[in-house]
Protein backbone atom coordinates (compact mmCIF):
# COMPACT_ATOMS: atom_id res chain seq x y z
CA MET A 1 97.42 59.13 -80.36
CA LYS A 2 95.33 55.94 -80.23
CA LYS A 3 91.85 56.49 -78.79
CA LEU A 4 88.97 54.27 -77.78
CA TYR A 5 85.47 55.73 -77.70
CA CYS A 6 82.75 53.82 -75.81
CA PHE A 7 79.23 55.12 -76.39
CA ASP A 8 76.11 53.98 -74.58
CA PHE A 9 73.16 53.98 -77.00
CA ASP A 10 69.72 54.45 -75.39
CA GLY A 11 69.35 57.89 -73.84
CA THR A 12 72.97 58.83 -74.49
CA LEU A 13 72.95 58.93 -78.29
CA THR A 14 69.17 58.62 -78.68
CA TYR A 15 66.27 60.66 -77.35
CA LYS A 16 64.30 57.56 -76.32
CA ASP A 17 64.73 53.96 -75.21
CA THR A 18 64.73 51.89 -78.40
CA MET A 19 63.57 48.61 -76.82
CA PHE A 20 59.99 49.78 -76.29
CA MET A 21 59.99 51.61 -79.63
CA TYR A 22 61.20 48.56 -81.56
CA LEU A 23 58.81 46.10 -79.90
CA LYS A 24 55.87 48.44 -80.54
CA PHE A 25 57.02 48.86 -84.15
CA TYR A 26 57.36 45.08 -84.55
CA ASP A 27 53.80 44.23 -83.50
CA PRO A 28 51.69 47.11 -82.08
CA THR A 29 48.76 44.91 -80.99
CA LYS A 30 50.88 42.28 -79.27
CA TYR A 31 52.96 45.08 -77.72
CA ARG A 32 49.91 46.71 -76.09
CA ILE A 33 48.63 43.40 -74.70
CA GLN A 34 52.03 42.31 -73.37
CA PHE A 35 52.83 45.75 -71.99
CA LEU A 36 49.66 45.65 -69.87
CA LYS A 37 50.45 42.09 -68.73
CA HIS A 38 53.96 43.21 -67.71
CA VAL A 39 52.91 46.34 -65.77
CA PRO A 40 53.16 44.50 -62.40
CA LEU A 41 56.70 43.37 -63.29
CA PHE A 42 57.66 46.89 -64.40
CA ILE A 43 56.43 48.20 -61.03
CA LEU A 44 58.47 45.57 -59.16
CA LEU A 45 61.47 46.56 -61.29
CA LYS A 46 61.08 50.23 -60.35
CA LEU A 47 60.90 49.20 -56.69
CA LYS A 48 64.06 47.11 -57.21
CA LEU A 49 62.13 43.96 -56.28
CA ALA A 50 62.68 42.22 -59.63
CA GLU A 51 65.77 41.49 -61.73
CA THR A 52 66.15 43.65 -64.83
CA GLU A 53 67.39 40.77 -66.97
CA LYS A 54 64.42 38.52 -66.11
CA VAL A 55 61.82 41.22 -66.75
CA LYS A 56 63.53 42.26 -69.98
CA LYS A 57 63.74 38.66 -71.22
CA SER A 58 60.09 38.05 -70.34
CA PHE A 59 58.85 41.20 -72.11
CA ILE A 60 60.99 40.82 -75.25
CA GLY A 61 60.24 37.09 -75.41
CA SER A 62 56.49 37.70 -75.09
CA ILE A 63 56.61 39.58 -78.40
CA LEU A 64 59.52 38.10 -80.36
CA LYS A 65 59.91 34.49 -79.16
CA GLY A 66 59.26 32.06 -82.02
CA GLN A 67 59.75 34.73 -84.69
CA THR A 68 62.17 33.99 -87.53
CA GLN A 69 65.55 35.69 -87.69
CA GLU A 70 64.72 36.75 -91.25
CA LYS A 71 61.53 38.59 -90.17
CA ILE A 72 63.22 40.14 -87.12
CA GLU A 73 66.13 41.43 -89.25
CA LEU A 74 63.73 42.81 -91.88
CA LYS A 75 61.72 44.62 -89.17
CA SER A 76 64.98 45.92 -87.66
CA LYS A 77 66.00 47.37 -91.03
CA GLN A 78 62.56 48.99 -91.42
CA PHE A 79 62.73 50.32 -87.84
CA PHE A 80 66.14 51.86 -88.56
CA GLU A 81 64.95 53.42 -91.83
CA THR A 82 61.90 54.88 -90.07
CA HIS A 83 63.76 56.38 -87.11
CA TYR A 84 67.28 57.27 -88.30
CA PRO A 85 68.58 59.95 -88.00
CA LYS A 86 65.75 61.70 -86.10
CA ILE A 87 65.98 59.45 -83.01
CA VAL A 88 69.70 60.29 -82.61
CA ARG A 89 70.60 63.48 -80.76
CA GLU A 90 71.91 66.01 -83.29
CA ASN A 91 74.94 67.03 -81.23
CA ALA A 92 75.83 63.35 -80.69
CA LEU A 93 75.60 62.72 -84.43
CA ASP A 94 77.81 65.75 -85.16
CA PHE A 95 80.36 64.54 -82.60
CA ILE A 96 80.44 61.01 -84.07
CA GLN A 97 80.70 62.25 -87.65
CA ASN A 98 83.71 64.38 -86.67
CA ILE A 99 85.67 61.58 -84.99
CA ASP A 100 89.07 61.17 -86.60
CA ARG A 101 88.81 57.52 -87.66
CA ASN A 102 92.60 57.12 -87.92
CA ASN A 103 94.01 55.47 -84.79
CA THR A 104 90.53 55.44 -83.25
CA GLN A 105 88.27 52.56 -82.31
CA SER A 106 84.60 53.25 -81.55
CA LEU A 107 82.30 50.91 -79.65
CA LEU A 108 78.53 51.14 -79.30
CA VAL A 109 77.99 49.57 -75.87
CA THR A 110 74.36 48.85 -75.08
CA ALA A 111 71.99 46.75 -73.00
CA SER A 112 69.64 46.76 -75.99
CA LEU A 113 69.56 43.67 -78.19
CA ASP A 114 71.85 43.35 -81.17
CA ILE A 115 68.87 42.62 -83.43
CA TRP A 116 67.61 46.20 -83.59
CA VAL A 117 70.79 48.15 -82.74
CA LYS A 118 73.01 46.54 -85.41
CA PRO A 119 71.83 48.83 -88.29
CA PHE A 120 72.60 51.90 -86.12
CA ALA A 121 76.09 50.59 -85.26
CA GLU A 122 76.80 49.97 -88.94
CA VAL A 123 75.81 53.46 -90.10
CA LEU A 124 77.65 55.09 -87.16
CA LYS A 125 80.74 52.99 -88.08
CA MET A 126 81.03 51.42 -84.63
CA GLN A 127 81.64 47.91 -83.38
CA LEU A 128 78.58 46.66 -81.52
CA VAL A 129 78.88 45.42 -77.93
CA SER A 130 75.34 44.53 -76.85
CA THR A 131 72.97 42.05 -75.30
CA ARG A 132 72.84 39.19 -77.81
CA ALA A 133 69.67 37.45 -78.96
CA GLU A 134 69.77 33.66 -79.17
CA PHE A 135 68.53 32.01 -82.35
CA LYS A 136 68.15 28.27 -82.93
CA ASN A 137 67.39 26.96 -86.42
CA GLY A 138 66.70 30.54 -87.53
CA VAL A 139 64.13 31.20 -84.78
CA PHE A 140 64.44 33.50 -81.73
CA THR A 141 64.36 31.41 -78.54
CA GLY A 142 63.44 34.31 -76.26
CA ASN A 143 66.81 33.93 -74.51
CA PHE A 144 70.03 35.89 -74.55
CA ILE A 145 73.52 34.61 -75.31
CA GLY A 146 75.37 35.47 -72.11
CA LYS A 147 74.27 38.22 -69.75
CA ASN A 148 72.36 41.45 -70.23
CA CYS A 149 75.02 43.97 -71.32
CA ASN A 150 74.57 46.51 -68.53
CA GLY A 151 76.49 47.75 -65.48
CA LYS A 152 79.60 45.69 -64.75
CA GLU A 153 78.82 43.44 -67.72
CA LYS A 154 79.40 46.39 -70.07
CA LEU A 155 82.97 46.62 -68.82
CA VAL A 156 83.51 42.84 -69.07
CA ARG A 157 82.29 42.89 -72.66
CA ILE A 158 84.36 45.95 -73.62
CA LYS A 159 87.50 44.25 -72.32
CA GLU A 160 86.63 41.09 -74.29
CA GLU A 161 86.16 43.19 -77.43
CA ILE A 162 89.44 45.08 -77.18
CA HIS A 163 91.48 42.11 -75.85
CA ASN A 164 94.83 43.51 -74.77
CA SER A 165 94.85 46.54 -77.08
CA LYS A 166 96.58 49.61 -75.68
CA TYR A 167 95.12 53.09 -75.98
CA ASP A 168 96.52 56.51 -75.15
CA LYS A 169 93.06 57.64 -74.13
CA ILE A 170 89.74 55.91 -73.42
CA ILE A 171 86.67 58.14 -73.58
CA ALA A 172 83.22 56.91 -72.51
CA PHE A 173 79.74 58.40 -72.71
CA GLY A 174 76.71 57.29 -70.70
CA ASP A 175 73.52 58.53 -69.08
CA THR A 176 72.43 56.05 -66.37
CA SER A 177 73.76 54.10 -63.40
CA GLY A 178 74.19 51.13 -65.76
CA ASP A 179 77.00 53.09 -67.44
CA ARG A 180 78.90 53.98 -64.25
CA PRO A 181 81.46 51.12 -64.31
CA MET A 182 82.33 52.02 -67.92
CA LEU A 183 82.55 55.74 -67.12
CA LYS A 184 84.77 55.16 -64.06
CA TRP A 185 87.10 52.84 -66.02
CA ALA A 186 87.65 55.32 -68.86
CA ASN A 187 90.28 58.07 -68.73
CA GLU A 188 87.43 60.45 -69.50
CA GLY A 189 83.89 59.52 -68.46
CA HIS A 190 81.15 61.84 -69.70
CA TYR A 191 77.72 61.64 -68.06
CA GLN A 192 74.77 62.99 -70.09
CA PHE A 193 77.28 64.82 -72.30
CA PHE A 194 74.89 65.17 -75.25
CA HIS A 195 71.77 66.14 -73.23
């Protein structure tokens, strides 16, 4: 039986949102300053009066824009080493470690940026489907390649990743409204399964 597992990352497999954790880890001083500057935007976002992608780009860019890919990747590795495995829910980790890897494909599908999620995907033996950071001449531009990987975009990106592969069963795990299209599409959609 050929299976496809699609796992959301933040909140589903982890206890916390990794974006804020990573940015704080990257530069605590800059993080505090930029967080305070972005509070009005975060409020507008909560009130659904601002676009998630724009606020996210602005906040991430305010800390990482102009940083070298080399430094960002080094910090991502250090972030991973500091927080893995304790940031990952124990029951989620047990589940993943017991997946029969024969005839199974596993995707880590996340709105978080590839730059800090990649080490987690590698150790969990999953293909990464994420929001992609744009680098030019080895420097982060503050932009994304394509759209923020959330909501309907998650499904678009999953379908791109698997092309026309056929599966006997597709199983998805998520914890927010941004995962709903993926959960509805799967044969089995599990909401807050590991909570």
